[in-house]
Amino acid sequence: MVLAKAVYVLTKNFPAEERDALCDPLRKAAAVSVPSNIAEGSARQTACDFRRFLGIAKGSLAEIDTQLLLAVELGYVANIENLEEEILSHVKMINVFVSSLPVAG
């Protein structure tokens, strides 16, 4: 939720022409895709399924990072260090979580 809120605040002042191309995908990945995939995976019957959804969540985190770097390159934001640290923290947590899941026999 911290990451989602930070992305919403950051994208609030993006130019209107970036609404569909950059702002909305960033918000969707941060606020919807990452937490939704973790939640959906946790409701699945097997650790293998859960592991797959956690991988999708990690992919969404990579997507967020890439889009934030593009926003910097385009001059829409100046500093994303805190967000990059938050993304890395999420990736590390997911990695630990994945490693704690039982391996299918």
PDB file of N, CA and C in Angstrom:
ATOM      1  N   MET A   1       0.819  -1.199   0.000  1.00  0.00           N
ATOM      2  CA  MET A   1       0.000   0.000   0.000  1.00  0.00           C
ATOM      3  C   MET A   1       0.867   1.268   0.000  1.00  0.00           C
ATOM      4  N   VAL A   2       2.018   1.209   0.652  1.00  0.00           N
ATOM      5  CA  VAL A   2       2.925   2.358   0.679  1.00  0.00           C
ATOM      6  C   VAL A   2       3.393   2.685  -0.738  1.00  0.00           C
ATOM      7  N   LEU A   3       3.773   1.650  -1.474  1.00  0.00           N
ATOM      8  CA  LEU A   3       4.225   1.850  -2.848  1.00  0.00           C
ATOM      9  C   LEU A   3       3.099   2.409  -3.715  1.00  0.00           C
ATOM     10  N   ALA A   4       1.915   1.856  -3.583  1.00  0.00           N
ATOM     11  CA  ALA A   4       0.777   2.323  -4.387  1.00  0.00           C
ATOM     12  C   ALA A   4       0.497   3.795  -4.112  1.00  0.00           C
ATOM     13  N   LYS A   5       0.480   4.179  -2.849  1.00  0.00           N
ATOM     14  CA  LYS A   5       0.210   5.574  -2.498  1.00  0.00           C
ATOM     15  C   LYS A   5       1.306   6.487  -3.054  1.00  0.00           C
ATOM     16  N   ALA A   6       2.552   6.074  -2.933  1.00  0.00           N
ATOM     17  CA  ALA A   6       3.659   6.888  -3.440  1.00  0.00           C
ATOM     18  C   ALA A   6       3.560   7.081  -4.951  1.00  0.00           C
ATOM     19  N   VAL A   7       3.172   6.031  -5.663  1.00  0.00           N
ATOM     20  CA  VAL A   7       3.030   6.136  -7.121  1.00  0.00           C
ATOM     21  C   VAL A   7       1.877   7.078  -7.471  1.00  0.00           C
ATOM     22  N   TYR A   8       0.776   6.992  -6.757  1.00  0.00           N
ATOM     23  CA  TYR A   8      -0.348   7.897  -7.015  1.00  0.00           C
ATOM     24  C   TYR A   8       0.051   9.350  -6.796  1.00  0.00           C
ATOM     25  N   VAL A   9       0.759   9.611  -5.702  1.00  0.00           N
ATOM     26  CA  VAL A   9       1.203  10.973  -5.412  1.00  0.00           C
ATOM     27  C   VAL A   9       2.174  11.455  -6.492  1.00  0.00           C
ATOM     28  N   LEU A  10       3.102  10.601  -6.856  1.00  0.00           N
ATOM     29  CA  LEU A  10       4.110  10.963  -7.854  1.00  0.00           C
ATOM     30  C   LEU A  10       3.492  11.265  -9.213  1.00  0.00           C
ATOM     31  N   THR A  11       2.518  10.486  -9.619  1.00  0.00           N
ATOM     32  CA  THR A  11       1.938  10.631 -10.960  1.00  0.00           C
ATOM     33  C   THR A  11       0.847  11.698 -11.036  1.00  0.00           C
ATOM     34  N   LYS A  12       0.473  12.242  -9.912  1.00  0.00           N
ATOM     35  CA  LYS A  12      -0.599  13.239  -9.876  1.00  0.00           C
ATOM     36  C   LYS A  12      -0.317  14.428 -10.787  1.00  0.00           C
ATOM     37  N   ASN A  13       0.936  14.808 -10.903  1.00  0.00           N
ATOM     38  CA  ASN A  13       1.281  15.989 -11.695  1.00  0.00           C
ATOM     39  C   ASN A  13       1.904  15.670 -13.049  1.00  0.00           C
ATOM     40  N   PHE A  14       1.763  14.430 -13.504  1.00  0.00           N
ATOM     41  CA  PHE A  14       2.237  14.089 -14.847  1.00  0.00           C
ATOM     42  C   PHE A  14       1.406  14.866 -15.870  1.00  0.00           C
ATOM     43  N   PRO A  15       1.979  15.178 -17.012  1.00  0.00           N
ATOM     44  CA  PRO A  15       1.214  15.882 -18.054  1.00  0.00           C
ATOM     45  C   PRO A  15      -0.014  15.062 -18.484  1.00  0.00           C
ATOM     46  N   ALA A  16      -1.057  15.769 -18.870  1.00  0.00           N
ATOM     47  CA  ALA A  16      -2.307  15.118 -19.269  1.00  0.00           C
ATOM     48  C   ALA A  16      -2.096  14.136 -20.411  1.00  0.00           C
ATOM     49  N   GLU A  17      -1.182  14.459 -21.334  1.00  0.00           N
ATOM     50  CA  GLU A  17      -0.959  13.565 -22.476  1.00  0.00           C
ATOM     51  C   GLU A  17      -0.307  12.247 -22.071  1.00  0.00           C
ATOM     52  N   GLU A  18       0.181  12.154 -20.857  1.00  0.00           N
ATOM     53  CA  GLU A  18       0.788  10.905 -20.368  1.00  0.00           C
ATOM     54  C   GLU A  18      -0.181  10.055 -19.560  1.00  0.00           C
ATOM     55  N   ARG A  19      -1.409  10.510 -19.442  1.00  0.00           N
ATOM     56  CA  ARG A  19      -2.397   9.784 -18.626  1.00  0.00           C
ATOM     57  C   ARG A  19      -2.521   8.324 -19.071  1.00  0.00           C
ATOM     58  N   ASP A  20      -2.749   8.081 -20.348  1.00  0.00           N
ATOM     59  CA  ASP A  20      -2.946   6.719 -20.844  1.00  0.00           C
ATOM     60  C   ASP A  20      -1.638   5.964 -21.039  1.00  0.00           C
ATOM     61  N   ALA A  21      -0.606   6.656 -21.450  1.00  0.00           N
ATOM     62  CA  ALA A  21       0.636   5.984 -21.830  1.00  0.00           C
ATOM     63  C   ALA A  21       1.526   5.620 -20.648  1.00  0.00           C
ATOM     64  N   LEU A  22       1.558   6.445 -19.616  1.00  0.00           N
ATOM     65  CA  LEU A  22       2.502   6.201 -18.524  1.00  0.00           C
ATOM     66  C   LEU A  22       1.842   6.224 -17.147  1.00  0.00           C
ATOM     67  N   CYS A  23       1.020   7.200 -16.899  1.00  0.00           N
ATOM     68  CA  CYS A  23       0.427   7.369 -15.573  1.00  0.00           C
ATOM     69  C   CYS A  23      -0.477   6.195 -15.190  1.00  0.00           C
ATOM     70  N   ASP A  24      -1.446   5.889 -16.023  1.00  0.00           N
ATOM     71  CA  ASP A  24      -2.385   4.809 -15.705  1.00  0.00           C
ATOM     72  C   ASP A  24      -1.704   3.442 -15.590  1.00  0.00           C
ATOM     73  N   PRO A  25      -0.788   3.080 -16.503  1.00  0.00           N
ATOM     74  CA  PRO A  25      -0.103   1.795 -16.332  1.00  0.00           C
ATOM     75  C   PRO A  25       0.722   1.720 -15.047  1.00  0.00           C
ATOM     76  N   LEU A  26       1.354   2.818 -14.674  1.00  0.00           N
ATOM     77  CA  LEU A  26       2.122   2.857 -13.432  1.00  0.00           C
ATOM     78  C   LEU A  26       1.202   2.627 -12.241  1.00  0.00           C
ATOM     79  N   ARG A  27       0.108   3.334 -12.229  1.00  0.00           N
ATOM     80  CA  ARG A  27      -0.843   3.191 -11.120  1.00  0.00           C
ATOM     81  C   ARG A  27      -1.434   1.782 -11.081  1.00  0.00           C
ATOM     82  N   LYS A  28      -1.769   1.264 -12.238  1.00  0.00           N
ATOM     83  CA  LYS A  28      -2.360  -0.078 -12.278  1.00  0.00           C
ATOM     84  C   LYS A  28      -1.379  -1.116 -11.741  1.00  0.00           C
ATOM     85  N   ALA A  29      -0.136  -1.036 -12.157  1.00  0.00           N
ATOM     86  CA  ALA A  29       0.860  -2.004 -11.699  1.00  0.00           C
ATOM     87  C   ALA A  29       1.073  -1.900 -10.196  1.00  0.00           C
ATOM     88  N   ALA A  30       1.210  -0.670  -9.688  1.00  0.00           N
ATOM     89  CA  ALA A  30       1.517  -0.470  -8.270  1.00  0.00           C
ATOM     90  C   ALA A  30       0.331  -0.744  -7.368  1.00  0.00           C
ATOM     91  N   ALA A  31      -0.833  -0.249  -7.763  1.00  0.00           N
ATOM     92  CA  ALA A  31      -1.989  -0.323  -6.879  1.00  0.00           C
ATOM     93  C   ALA A  31      -2.827  -1.574  -7.080  1.00  0.00           C
ATOM     94  N   VAL A  32      -2.758  -2.159  -8.263  1.00  0.00           N
ATOM     95  CA  VAL A  32      -3.630  -3.285  -8.561  1.00  0.00           C
ATOM     96  C   VAL A  32      -2.849  -4.576  -8.771  1.00  0.00           C
ATOM     97  N   SER A  33      -1.911  -4.571  -9.679  1.00  0.00           N
ATOM     98  CA  SER A  33      -1.273  -5.816 -10.096  1.00  0.00           C
ATOM     99  C   SER A  33      -0.454  -6.479  -8.993  1.00  0.00           C
ATOM    100  N   VAL A  34       0.419  -5.728  -8.346  1.00  0.00           N
ATOM    101  CA  VAL A  34       1.282  -6.339  -7.319  1.00  0.00           C
ATOM    102  C   VAL A  34       0.450  -6.919  -6.179  1.00  0.00           C
ATOM    103  N   PRO A  35      -0.361  -6.128  -5.482  1.00  0.00           N
ATOM    104  CA  PRO A  35      -1.103  -6.708  -4.362  1.00  0.00           C
ATOM    105  C   PRO A  35      -2.148  -7.739  -4.792  1.00  0.00           C
ATOM    106  N   SER A  36      -2.754  -7.542  -5.960  1.00  0.00           N
ATOM    107  CA  SER A  36      -3.776  -8.494  -6.415  1.00  0.00           C
ATOM    108  C   SER A  36      -3.180  -9.857  -6.731  1.00  0.00           C
ATOM    109  N   ASN A  37      -2.012  -9.877  -7.364  1.00  0.00           N
ATOM    110  CA  ASN A  37      -1.386 -11.162  -7.664  1.00  0.00           C
ATOM    111  C   ASN A  37      -0.940 -11.882  -6.396  1.00  0.00           C
ATOM    112  N   ILE A  38      -0.455 -11.139  -5.423  1.00  0.00           N
ATOM    113  CA  ILE A  38      -0.088 -11.759  -4.148  1.00  0.00           C
ATOM    114  C   ILE A  38      -1.333 -12.331  -3.478  1.00  0.00           C
ATOM    115  N   ALA A  39      -2.406 -11.558  -3.460  1.00  0.00           N
ATOM    116  CA  ALA A  39      -3.652 -12.032  -2.843  1.00  0.00           C
ATOM    117  C   ALA A  39      -4.223 -13.237  -3.583  1.00  0.00           C
ATOM    118  N   GLU A  40      -4.266 -13.163  -4.904  1.00  0.00           N
ATOM    119  CA  GLU A  40      -4.822 -14.278  -5.677  1.00  0.00           C
ATOM    120  C   GLU A  40      -3.985 -15.534  -5.495  1.00  0.00           C
ATOM    121  N   GLY A  41      -2.665 -15.371  -5.529  1.00  0.00           N
ATOM    122  CA  GLY A  41      -1.789 -16.524  -5.350  1.00  0.00           C
ATOM    123  C   GLY A  41      -1.966 -17.171  -3.992  1.00  0.00           C
ATOM    124  N   SER A  42      -2.164 -16.362  -2.966  1.00  0.00           N
ATOM    125  CA  SER A  42      -2.325 -16.916  -1.619  1.00  0.00           C
ATOM    126  C   SER A  42      -3.617 -17.717  -1.477  1.00  0.00           C
ATOM    127  N   ALA A  43      -4.575 -17.441  -2.336  1.00  0.00           N
ATOM    128  CA  ALA A  43      -5.849 -18.161  -2.288  1.00  0.00           C
ATOM    129  C   ALA A  43      -5.824 -19.446  -3.110  1.00  0.00           C
ATOM    130  N   ARG A  44      -4.759 -19.681  -3.841  1.00  0.00           N
ATOM    131  CA  ARG A  44      -4.653 -20.882  -4.661  1.00  0.00           C
ATOM    132  C   ARG A  44      -4.383 -22.113  -3.799  1.00  0.00           C
ATOM    133  N   GLN A  45      -4.592 -23.267  -4.377  1.00  0.00           N
ATOM    134  CA  GLN A  45      -4.516 -24.519  -3.637  1.00  0.00           C
ATOM    135  C   GLN A  45      -3.094 -25.034  -3.426  1.00  0.00           C
ATOM    136  N   THR A  46      -2.164 -24.651  -4.298  1.00  0.00           N
ATOM    137  CA  THR A  46      -0.835 -25.239  -4.199  1.00  0.00           C
ATOM    138  C   THR A  46       0.243 -24.163  -4.072  1.00  0.00           C
ATOM    139  N   ALA A  47       1.358 -24.564  -3.481  1.00  0.00           N
ATOM    140  CA  ALA A  47       2.502 -23.665  -3.365  1.00  0.00           C
ATOM    141  C   ALA A  47       3.039 -23.301  -4.749  1.00  0.00           C
ATOM    142  N   CYS A  48       2.942 -24.235  -5.675  1.00  0.00           N
ATOM    143  CA  CYS A  48       3.410 -23.984  -7.038  1.00  0.00           C
ATOM    144  C   CYS A  48       2.614 -22.849  -7.676  1.00  0.00           C
ATOM    145  N   ASP A  49       1.296 -22.865  -7.499  1.00  0.00           N
ATOM    146  CA  ASP A  49       0.459 -21.780  -8.016  1.00  0.00           C
ATOM    147  C   ASP A  49       0.810 -20.458  -7.336  1.00  0.00           C
ATOM    148  N   PHE A  50       0.960 -20.513  -6.026  1.00  0.00           N
ATOM    149  CA  PHE A  50       1.295 -19.308  -5.279  1.00  0.00           C
ATOM    150  C   PHE A  50       2.622 -18.739  -5.768  1.00  0.00           C
ATOM    151  N   ARG A  51       3.594 -19.604  -5.964  1.00  0.00           N
ATOM    152  CA  ARG A  51       4.911 -19.206  -6.442  1.00  0.00           C
ATOM    153  C   ARG A  51       4.792 -18.493  -7.803  1.00  0.00           C
ATOM    154  N   ARG A  52       3.932 -19.013  -8.676  1.00  0.00           N
ATOM    155  CA  ARG A  52       3.739 -18.419  -9.997  1.00  0.00           C
ATOM    156  C   ARG A  52       3.168 -17.001  -9.881  1.00  0.00           C
ATOM    157  N   PHE A  53       2.184 -16.821  -9.009  1.00  0.00           N
ATOM    158  CA  PHE A  53       1.591 -15.492  -8.837  1.00  0.00           C
ATOM    159  C   PHE A  53       2.567 -14.515  -8.181  1.00  0.00           C
ATOM    160  N   LEU A  54       3.408 -15.015  -7.288  1.00  0.00           N
ATOM    161  CA  LEU A  54       4.438 -14.163  -6.701  1.00  0.00           C
ATOM    162  C   LEU A  54       5.428 -13.716  -7.783  1.00  0.00           C
ATOM    163  N   GLY A  55       5.715 -14.598  -8.719  1.00  0.00           N
ATOM    164  CA  GLY A  55       6.580 -14.238  -9.847  1.00  0.00           C
ATOM    165  C   GLY A  55       5.958 -13.154 -10.707  1.00  0.00           C
ATOM    166  N   ILE A  56       4.656 -13.234 -10.897  1.00  0.00           N
ATOM    167  CA  ILE A  56       3.951 -12.203 -11.671  1.00  0.00           C
ATOM    168  C   ILE A  56       4.025 -10.868 -10.929  1.00  0.00           C
ATOM    169  N   ALA A  57       3.871 -10.902  -9.614  1.00  0.00           N
ATOM    170  CA  ALA A  57       3.973  -9.676  -8.811  1.00  0.00           C
ATOM    171  C   ALA A  57       5.368  -9.067  -8.946  1.00  0.00           C
ATOM    172  N   LYS A  58       6.403  -9.917  -8.934  1.00  0.00           N
ATOM    173  CA  LYS A  58       7.764  -9.413  -9.123  1.00  0.00           C
ATOM    174  C   LYS A  58       7.920  -8.788 -10.514  1.00  0.00           C
ATOM    175  N   GLY A  59       7.302  -9.373 -11.497  1.00  0.00           N
ATOM    176  CA  GLY A  59       7.339  -8.799 -12.840  1.00  0.00           C
ATOM    177  C   GLY A  59       6.691  -7.424 -12.878  1.00  0.00           C
ATOM    178  N   SER A  60       5.603  -7.266 -12.152  1.00  0.00           N
ATOM    179  CA  SER A  60       4.943  -5.964 -12.081  1.00  0.00           C
ATOM    180  C   SER A  60       5.838  -4.939 -11.387  1.00  0.00           C
ATOM    181  N   LEU A  61       6.585  -5.372 -10.390  1.00  0.00           N
ATOM    182  CA  LEU A  61       7.528  -4.465  -9.729  1.00  0.00           C
ATOM    183  C   LEU A  61       8.611  -4.011 -10.699  1.00  0.00           C
ATOM    184  N   ALA A  62       9.076  -4.917 -11.545  1.00  0.00           N
ATOM    185  CA  ALA A  62      10.065  -4.548 -12.569  1.00  0.00           C
ATOM    186  C   ALA A  62       9.452  -3.565 -13.564  1.00  0.00           C
ATOM    187  N   GLU A  63       8.190  -3.765 -13.888  1.00  0.00           N
ATOM    188  CA  GLU A  63       7.478  -2.861 -14.787  1.00  0.00           C
ATOM    189  C   GLU A  63       7.397  -1.460 -14.173  1.00  0.00           C
ATOM    190  N   ILE A  64       7.065  -1.386 -12.894  1.00  0.00           N
ATOM    191  CA  ILE A  64       6.989  -0.103 -12.200  1.00  0.00           C
ATOM    192  C   ILE A  64       8.347   0.595 -12.235  1.00  0.00           C
ATOM    193  N   ASP A  65       9.396  -0.140 -11.930  1.00  0.00           N
ATOM    194  CA  ASP A  65      10.737   0.427 -11.916  1.00  0.00           C
ATOM    195  C   ASP A  65      11.101   0.997 -13.285  1.00  0.00           C
ATOM    196  N   THR A  66      10.827   0.255 -14.328  1.00  0.00           N
ATOM    197  CA  THR A  66      11.132   0.702 -15.691  1.00  0.00           C
ATOM    198  C   THR A  66      10.345   1.958 -16.042  1.00  0.00           C
ATOM    199  N   GLN A  67       9.080   1.978 -15.708  1.00  0.00           N
ATOM    200  CA  GLN A  67       8.249   3.138 -16.023  1.00  0.00           C
ATOM    201  C   GLN A  67       8.674   4.365 -15.226  1.00  0.00           C
ATOM    202  N   LEU A  68       9.120   4.156 -13.987  1.00  0.00           N
ATOM    203  CA  LEU A  68       9.622   5.279 -13.195  1.00  0.00           C
ATOM    204  C   LEU A  68      10.910   5.840 -13.801  1.00  0.00           C
ATOM    205  N   LEU A  69      11.781   4.947 -14.259  1.00  0.00           N
ATOM    206  CA  LEU A  69      13.012   5.405 -14.911  1.00  0.00           C
ATOM    207  C   LEU A  69      12.689   6.209 -16.167  1.00  0.00           C
ATOM    208  N   LEU A  70      11.691   5.793 -16.910  1.00  0.00           N
ATOM    209  CA  LEU A  70      11.263   6.542 -18.087  1.00  0.00           C
ATOM    210  C   LEU A  70      10.734   7.921 -17.688  1.00  0.00           C
ATOM    211  N   ALA A  71       9.971   7.975 -16.598  1.00  0.00           N
ATOM    212  CA  ALA A  71       9.441   9.255 -16.117  1.00  0.00           C
ATOM    213  C   ALA A  71      10.573  10.206 -15.749  1.00  0.00           C
ATOM    214  N   VAL A  72      11.643   9.678 -15.181  1.00  0.00           N
ATOM    215  CA  VAL A  72      12.818  10.506 -14.877  1.00  0.00           C
ATOM    216  C   VAL A  72      13.454  11.001 -16.175  1.00  0.00           C
ATOM    217  N   GLU A  73      13.649  10.074 -17.126  1.00  0.00           N
ATOM    218  CA  GLU A  73      14.261  10.444 -18.406  1.00  0.00           C
ATOM    219  C   GLU A  73      13.455  11.519 -19.150  1.00  0.00           C
ATOM    220  N   LEU A  74      12.144  11.463 -18.993  1.00  0.00           N
ATOM    221  CA  LEU A  74      11.278  12.439 -19.658  1.00  0.00           C
ATOM    222  C   LEU A  74      11.156  13.741 -18.873  1.00  0.00           C
ATOM    223  N   GLY A  75      11.735  13.776 -17.680  1.00  0.00           N
ATOM    224  CA  GLY A  75      11.718  14.991 -16.872  1.00  0.00           C
ATOM    225  C   GLY A  75      10.453  15.211 -16.070  1.00  0.00           C
ATOM    226  N   TYR A  76       9.632  14.173 -15.905  1.00  0.00           N
ATOM    227  CA  TYR A  76       8.392  14.318 -15.138  1.00  0.00           C
ATOM    228  C   TYR A  76       8.637  14.266 -13.636  1.00  0.00           C
ATOM    229  N   VAL A  77       9.702  13.598 -13.233  1.00  0.00           N
ATOM    230  CA  VAL A  77      10.102  13.526 -11.828  1.00  0.00           C
ATOM    231  C   VAL A  77      11.622  13.614 -11.765  1.00  0.00           C
ATOM    232  N   ALA A  78      12.106  14.066 -10.622  1.00  0.00           N
ATOM    233  CA  ALA A  78      13.551  14.242 -10.500  1.00  0.00           C
ATOM    234  C   ALA A  78      14.209  13.147  -9.674  1.00  0.00           C
ATOM    235  N   ASN A  79      13.535  12.684  -8.662  1.00  0.00           N
ATOM    236  CA  ASN A  79      14.170  11.755  -7.739  1.00  0.00           C
ATOM    237  C   ASN A  79      13.224  10.601  -7.410  1.00  0.00           C
ATOM    238  N   ILE A  80      13.663   9.399  -7.728  1.00  0.00           N
ATOM    239  CA  ILE A  80      12.842   8.220  -7.419  1.00  0.00           C
ATOM    240  C   ILE A  80      13.592   7.246  -6.512  1.00  0.00           C
ATOM    241  N   GLU A  81      14.646   7.726  -5.856  1.00  0.00           N
ATOM    242  CA  GLU A  81      15.447   6.841  -5.011  1.00  0.00           C
ATOM    243  C   GLU A  81      14.610   6.133  -3.953  1.00  0.00           C
ATOM    244  N   ASN A  82      13.727   6.873  -3.288  1.00  0.00           N
ATOM    245  CA  ASN A  82      12.891   6.250  -2.253  1.00  0.00           C
ATOM    246  C   ASN A  82      11.993   5.167  -2.843  1.00  0.00           C
ATOM    247  N   LEU A  83      11.433   5.441  -4.017  1.00  0.00           N
ATOM    248  CA  LEU A  83      10.574   4.445  -4.662  1.00  0.00           C
ATOM    249  C   LEU A  83      11.381   3.232  -5.112  1.00  0.00           C
ATOM    250  N   GLU A  84      12.584   3.464  -5.616  1.00  0.00           N
ATOM    251  CA  GLU A  84      13.424   2.339  -6.018  1.00  0.00           C
ATOM    252  C   GLU A  84      13.780   1.480  -4.811  1.00  0.00           C
ATOM    253  N   GLU A  85      14.028   2.112  -3.664  1.00  0.00           N
ATOM    254  CA  GLU A  85      14.296   1.363  -2.438  1.00  0.00           C
ATOM    255  C   GLU A  85      13.066   0.561  -2.009  1.00  0.00           C
ATOM    256  N   GLU A  86      11.906   1.162  -2.154  1.00  0.00           N
ATOM    257  CA  GLU A  86      10.655   0.475  -1.805  1.00  0.00           C
ATOM    258  C   GLU A  86      10.429  -0.727  -2.722  1.00  0.00           C
ATOM    259  N   ILE A  87      10.676  -0.543  -4.007  1.00  0.00           N
ATOM    260  CA  ILE A  87      10.530  -1.644  -4.974  1.00  0.00           C
ATOM    261  C   ILE A  87      11.495  -2.766  -4.631  1.00  0.00           C
ATOM    262  N   LEU A  88      12.753  -2.430  -4.370  1.00  0.00           N
ATOM    263  CA  LEU A  88      13.745  -3.440  -4.014  1.00  0.00           C
ATOM    264  C   LEU A  88      13.350  -4.173  -2.738  1.00  0.00           C
ATOM    265  N   SER A  89      12.812  -3.457  -1.786  1.00  0.00           N
ATOM    266  CA  SER A  89      12.344  -4.072  -0.545  1.00  0.00           C
ATOM    267  C   SER A  89      11.228  -5.081  -0.821  1.00  0.00           C
ATOM    268  N   HIS A  90      10.302  -4.713  -1.700  1.00  0.00           N
ATOM    269  CA  HIS A  90       9.208  -5.621  -2.073  1.00  0.00           C
ATOM    270  C   HIS A  90       9.756  -6.873  -2.770  1.00  0.00           C
ATOM    271  N   VAL A  91      10.695  -6.678  -3.677  1.00  0.00           N
ATOM    272  CA  VAL A  91      11.288  -7.819  -4.387  1.00  0.00           C
ATOM    273  C   VAL A  91      11.954  -8.760  -3.393  1.00  0.00           C
ATOM    274  N   LYS A  92      12.704  -8.198  -2.457  1.00  0.00           N
ATOM    275  CA  LYS A  92      13.374  -9.027  -1.445  1.00  0.00           C
ATOM    276  C   LYS A  92      12.365  -9.792  -0.586  1.00  0.00           C
ATOM    277  N   MET A  93      11.281  -9.120  -0.197  1.00  0.00           N
ATOM    278  CA  MET A  93      10.256  -9.796   0.608  1.00  0.00           C
ATOM    279  C   MET A  93       9.621 -10.944  -0.170  1.00  0.00           C
ATOM    280  N   ILE A  94       9.336 -10.704  -1.440  1.00  0.00           N
ATOM    281  CA  ILE A  94       8.740 -11.759  -2.262  1.00  0.00           C
ATOM    282  C   ILE A  94       9.728 -12.920  -2.406  1.00  0.00           C
ATOM    283  N   ASN A  95      11.005 -12.622  -2.612  1.00  0.00           N
ATOM    284  CA  ASN A  95      12.014 -13.683  -2.732  1.00  0.00           C
ATOM    285  C   ASN A  95      12.073 -14.537  -1.471  1.00  0.00           C
ATOM    286  N   VAL A  96      12.042 -13.895  -0.317  1.00  0.00           N
ATOM    287  CA  VAL A  96      12.056 -14.636   0.949  1.00  0.00           C
ATOM    288  C   VAL A  96      10.790 -15.474   1.067  1.00  0.00           C
ATOM    289  N   PHE A  97       9.671 -14.894   0.692  1.00  0.00           N
ATOM    290  CA  PHE A  97       8.407 -15.618   0.765  1.00  0.00           C
ATOM    291  C   PHE A  97       8.428 -16.843  -0.153  1.00  0.00           C
ATOM    292  N   VAL A  98       8.909 -16.660  -1.371  1.00  0.00           N
ATOM    293  CA  VAL A  98       8.996 -17.778  -2.317  1.00  0.00           C
ATOM    294  C   VAL A  98       9.890 -18.887  -1.754  1.00  0.00           C
ATOM    295  N   SER A  99      11.004 -18.503  -1.176  1.00  0.00           N
ATOM    296  CA  SER A  99      11.925 -19.512  -0.648  1.00  0.00           C
ATOM    297  C   SER A  99      11.368 -20.248   0.560  1.00  0.00           C
ATOM    298  N   SER A 100      10.369 -19.669   1.203  1.00  0.00           N
ATOM    299  CA  SER A 100       9.756 -20.317   2.365  1.00  0.00           C
ATOM    300  C   SER A 100       8.643 -21.296   1.980  1.00  0.00           C
ATOM    301  N   LEU A 101       8.197 -21.241   0.730  1.00  0.00           N
ATOM    302  CA  LEU A 101       7.120 -22.126   0.286  1.00  0.00           C
ATOM    303  C   LEU A 101       7.669 -23.542   0.064  1.00  0.00           C
ATOM    304  N   PRO A 102       6.861 -24.521   0.378  1.00  0.00           N
ATOM    305  CA  PRO A 102       7.320 -25.901   0.151  1.00  0.00           C
ATOM    306  C   PRO A 102       7.511 -26.174  -1.334  1.00  0.00           C
ATOM    307  N   VAL A 103       8.516 -26.970  -1.622  1.00  0.00           N
ATOM    308  CA  VAL A 103       8.810 -27.360  -2.999  1.00  0.00           C
ATOM    309  C   VAL A 103       7.950 -28.571  -3.324  1.00  0.00           C
ATOM    310  N   ALA A 104       7.297 -28.519  -4.488  1.00  0.00           N
ATOM    311  CA  ALA A 104       6.440 -29.649  -4.892  1.00  0.00           C
ATOM    312  C   ALA A 104       7.270 -30.897  -5.078  1.00  0.00           C
ATOM    313  N   GLY A 105       6.735 -32.022  -4.631  1.00  0.00           N
ATOM    314  CA  GLY A 105       7.429 -33.276  -4.649  1.00  0.00           C
ATOM    315  C   GLY A 105       7.640 -33.809  -5.990  1.00  0.00           C
TER     316      GLY A 105
END
